[in-house]
């Protein structure tokens, strides 16, 4: 997978995680938001929306770590392939 796909996926995961995690909590606390299509976690009642928002933050961090490891492995494969081509030529 090309590095640009990793960057795109990282941006999308971070944006969704931030929007459903900290942003949803702030909307609930500051604006008494009880859910919209953009913040479905706020449809939940008071204690559960905070629990789910925390779980979303944890899942976001895990997914970003997985994407970063995959990117590092892809870059290492490209370096090894380039080194092998350099020795063969």
Protein backbone atom coordinates (compact mmCIF):
# COMPACT_ATOMS: atom_id res chain seq x y z
CA UNK A 1 0.00 0.00 0.00
CA UNK A 2 1.34 3.38 -0.95
CA UNK A 3 2.21 5.87 1.78
CA UNK A 4 -0.45 8.30 0.63
CA UNK A 5 -3.13 5.72 1.47
CA UNK A 6 -1.73 5.39 4.98
CA UNK A 7 -1.80 9.15 5.37
CA UNK A 8 -5.37 9.39 4.08
CA UNK A 9 -6.55 6.59 6.36
CA UNK A 10 -4.76 8.15 9.32
CA UNK A 11 -6.45 11.50 8.70
CA UNK A 12 -9.88 9.87 8.36
CA UNK A 13 -9.44 7.74 11.49
CA UNK A 14 -8.19 10.71 13.51
CA UNK A 15 -11.02 12.96 12.33
CA UNK A 16 -13.73 10.40 13.08
CA UNK A 17 -12.18 9.56 16.44
CA UNK A 18 -11.86 13.18 17.46
CA UNK A 19 -15.39 14.02 16.31
CA UNK A 20 -17.01 11.09 18.14
CA UNK A 21 -14.70 11.33 21.18
CA UNK A 22 -13.66 14.69 22.64
CA UNK A 23 -15.80 16.84 20.32
CA UNK A 24 -18.97 14.90 21.19
CA UNK A 25 -18.25 15.26 24.90
CA UNK A 26 -17.66 19.00 24.53
CA UNK A 27 -20.90 19.38 22.57
CA UNK A 28 -22.75 17.50 25.32
CA UNK A 29 -21.22 19.53 28.15
CA UNK A 30 -21.27 22.99 26.58
CA UNK A 31 -24.33 22.81 24.35
CA UNK A 32 -26.49 20.13 25.99
CA UNK A 33 -26.42 18.22 22.70
CA UNK A 34 -28.53 15.07 22.68
CA UNK A 35 -27.44 13.63 19.38
CA UNK A 36 -27.38 14.45 15.71
CA UNK A 37 -26.45 12.49 12.64
CA UNK A 38 -22.92 13.88 12.98
CA UNK A 39 -22.61 12.97 16.68
CA UNK A 40 -24.60 9.76 17.17
CA UNK A 41 -22.76 8.95 20.39
CA UNK A 42 -24.73 11.76 22.04
CA UNK A 43 -28.01 9.91 21.45
CA UNK A 44 -27.00 7.78 24.43
CA UNK A 45 -27.97 8.76 27.95
CA UNK A 46 -25.63 10.67 30.26
CA UNK A 47 -23.15 8.12 31.60
CA UNK A 48 -23.04 5.92 28.51
CA UNK A 49 -22.17 8.60 26.01
CA UNK A 50 -19.01 9.36 28.01
CA UNK A 51 -18.10 5.68 28.18
CA UNK A 52 -18.60 5.22 24.44
CA UNK A 53 -16.67 8.42 23.69
CA UNK A 54 -13.77 7.10 25.76
CA UNK A 55 -13.92 3.78 23.91
CA UNK A 56 -13.86 5.66 20.60
CA UNK A 57 -10.72 7.53 21.70
CA UNK A 58 -9.03 4.25 22.69
CA UNK A 59 -10.05 2.60 19.40
CA UNK A 60 -8.72 5.61 17.49
CA UNK A 61 -5.34 5.42 19.20
CA UNK A 62 -5.13 1.67 18.52
CA UNK A 63 -6.07 2.10 14.85
CA UNK A 64 -3.55 4.90 14.41
CA UNK A 65 -0.85 2.69 15.96
CA UNK A 66 -1.75 -0.17 13.61
CA UNK A 67 -1.65 2.16 10.60
CA UNK A 68 1.73 3.53 11.69
CA UNK A 69 3.19 0.03 12.08
CA UNK A 70 1.88 -0.91 8.64
CA UNK A 71 3.42 2.21 7.16
CA UNK A 72 6.77 1.45 8.79
CA UNK A 73 6.70 -2.11 7.43
CA UNK A 74 5.84 -0.85 3.93
CA UNK A 75 8.70 1.65 4.03
CA UNK A 76 11.10 -1.07 5.22
CA UNK A 77 9.99 -3.34 2.36
CA UNK A 78 10.60 -0.54 -0.14
CA UNK A 79 14.06 0.12 1.31
CA UNK A 80 14.94 -3.59 1.17
CA UNK A 81 13.66 -3.89 -2.39
CA UNK A 82 15.68 -0.82 -3.40
CA UNK A 83 18.80 -2.21 -1.76
CA UNK A 84 18.30 -5.57 -3.48
CA UNK A 85 17.92 -3.85 -6.85
CA UNK A 86 21.07 -1.82 -6.18
CA UNK A 87 23.10 -4.97 -5.43
CA UNK A 88 21.70 -6.85 -8.42
CA UNK A 89 22.41 -4.03 -10.88
